[in-house]
Amino acid sequence: MKILLDENLPAKLKYDFGDGFEVRTVKDMGWLGKKNGELLGLAAFNGFDLFITLDKNLKYQQNLDKVDLKFILLLANDNKHQTLQPFIDKVKTLLNKTNLPKFLEVSID
């Protein structure tokens, strides 16, 4: 699975996925500063399967059905690496067990 991490996520988070996932950041791809519509189009065109973000407005600002991507919104209090690590464990579990819906919100209870 090819995963793109939004620019609002710490880059070192990509190392928490481990084997079986190809994870890149927006910065890795040279797409910093791109508007969401263009960014999502580039992600789909470049073969990404999943876009992970903290942007709660994304689903309201973009027509997500226009791109061949799935989306995960992390409902975190901040974007610190230590805060987000437990979310990645939960995301990996979801990716291994289920057929993801188009848009999924993930929280830590």
Protein backbone atom coordinates (compact mmCIF):
# COMPACT_ATOMS: atom_id res chain seq x y z
CA MET A 1 0.00 0.00 0.00
CA LYS A 2 1.26 3.41 -1.00
CA ILE A 3 0.52 6.10 1.60
CA LEU A 4 0.96 9.87 1.43
CA LEU A 5 1.26 11.86 4.68
CA ASP A 6 -0.03 15.43 4.55
CA GLU A 7 2.39 18.25 5.28
CA ASN A 8 0.73 18.84 8.67
CA LEU A 9 2.15 15.51 9.91
CA PRO A 10 5.72 15.04 11.19
CA ALA A 11 7.99 13.44 8.60
CA LYS A 12 9.39 10.84 10.99
CA LEU A 13 5.89 9.38 11.34
CA LYS A 14 6.49 7.50 8.07
CA TYR A 15 8.98 5.23 9.83
CA ASP A 16 6.29 4.03 12.26
CA PHE A 17 4.48 2.09 9.52
CA GLY A 18 7.18 -0.54 9.04
CA ASP A 19 7.35 -3.21 6.36
CA GLY A 20 4.55 -3.67 3.87
CA PHE A 21 3.81 0.04 3.50
CA GLU A 22 5.38 2.53 1.12
CA VAL A 23 5.01 5.83 2.96
CA ARG A 24 6.02 9.24 1.64
CA THR A 25 5.42 12.75 2.88
CA VAL A 26 4.22 15.71 0.84
CA LYS A 27 7.71 17.16 1.35
CA ASP A 28 9.37 13.95 0.07
CA MET A 29 7.39 14.35 -3.13
CA GLY A 30 8.29 18.04 -3.55
CA TRP A 31 4.65 19.08 -3.20
CA LEU A 32 4.88 21.46 -0.23
CA GLY A 33 2.52 24.41 -0.56
CA LYS A 34 0.27 22.80 -3.17
CA LYS A 35 -3.44 23.52 -2.78
CA ASN A 36 -5.47 20.51 -1.63
CA GLY A 37 -7.18 19.95 -4.99
CA GLU A 38 -3.90 19.88 -6.90
CA LEU A 39 -2.20 17.85 -4.16
CA LEU A 40 -4.88 15.15 -4.19
CA GLY A 41 -4.77 14.98 -7.99
CA LEU A 42 -0.99 14.53 -7.90
CA ALA A 43 -1.30 11.84 -5.23
CA ALA A 44 -3.82 9.86 -7.27
CA PHE A 45 -1.84 10.32 -10.51
CA ASN A 46 1.32 9.05 -8.77
CA GLY A 47 -0.35 5.86 -7.56
CA PHE A 48 -0.98 6.61 -3.90
CA ASP A 49 -3.74 4.55 -2.31
CA LEU A 50 -4.24 6.49 0.90
CA PHE A 51 -3.89 10.08 2.10
CA ILE A 52 -3.52 10.69 5.85
CA THR A 53 -4.14 14.14 7.29
CA LEU A 54 -5.07 16.19 10.34
CA ASP A 55 -7.08 18.64 8.19
CA LYS A 56 -10.64 18.42 9.54
CA ASN A 57 -11.93 20.66 6.75
CA LEU A 58 -10.65 18.54 3.87
CA LYS A 59 -13.88 16.61 3.32
CA TYR A 60 -15.87 19.86 3.24
CA GLN A 61 -13.48 21.78 0.98
CA GLN A 62 -12.85 19.07 -1.63
CA ASN A 63 -15.01 16.65 -3.58
CA LEU A 64 -13.14 13.53 -2.48
CA ASP A 65 -15.09 11.33 -4.90
CA LYS A 66 -13.25 13.00 -7.79
CA VAL A 67 -9.95 11.33 -6.90
CA ASP A 68 -9.06 7.67 -6.71
CA LEU A 69 -7.75 7.83 -3.15
CA LYS A 70 -8.93 6.84 0.29
CA PHE A 71 -8.59 9.25 3.18
CA ILE A 72 -7.89 8.94 6.88
CA LEU A 73 -8.39 11.89 9.19
CA LEU A 74 -6.49 11.58 12.46
CA LEU A 75 -8.51 13.20 15.25
CA ALA A 76 -5.51 14.20 17.36
CA ASN A 77 -5.03 17.07 19.80
CA ASP A 78 -1.75 18.13 18.18
CA ASN A 79 0.69 17.05 15.49
CA LYS A 80 3.54 15.93 17.72
CA HIS A 81 5.16 12.64 16.80
CA GLN A 82 4.61 11.08 20.23
CA THR A 83 0.91 12.03 20.12
CA LEU A 84 0.44 10.50 16.68
CA GLN A 85 2.32 7.21 17.13
CA PRO A 86 -0.68 5.40 18.71
CA PHE A 87 -2.82 6.54 15.78
CA ILE A 88 -0.46 4.82 13.34
CA ASP A 89 -0.78 1.54 15.22
CA LYS A 90 -4.55 1.84 14.94
CA VAL A 91 -4.36 2.77 11.23
CA LYS A 92 -2.15 -0.24 10.50
CA THR A 93 -4.63 -2.52 12.26
CA LEU A 94 -7.48 -1.06 10.20
CA LEU A 95 -5.53 -1.45 6.96
CA ASN A 96 -4.79 -5.10 7.71
CA LYS A 97 -8.32 -6.07 8.76
CA THR A 98 -10.84 -4.16 6.72
CA ASN A 99 -11.75 -2.79 3.36
CA LEU A 100 -11.46 0.91 4.10
CA PRO A 101 -14.30 3.26 3.28
CA LYS A 102 -13.51 6.30 1.13
CA PHE A 103 -13.14 8.53 4.21
CA LEU A 104 -12.42 7.38 7.74
CA GLU A 105 -11.88 9.31 10.96
CA VAL A 106 -9.54 7.67 13.47
CA SER A 107 -9.43 8.57 17.14
CA ILE A 108 -7.72 7.14 20.18
CA ASP A 109 -10.14 6.40 23.00
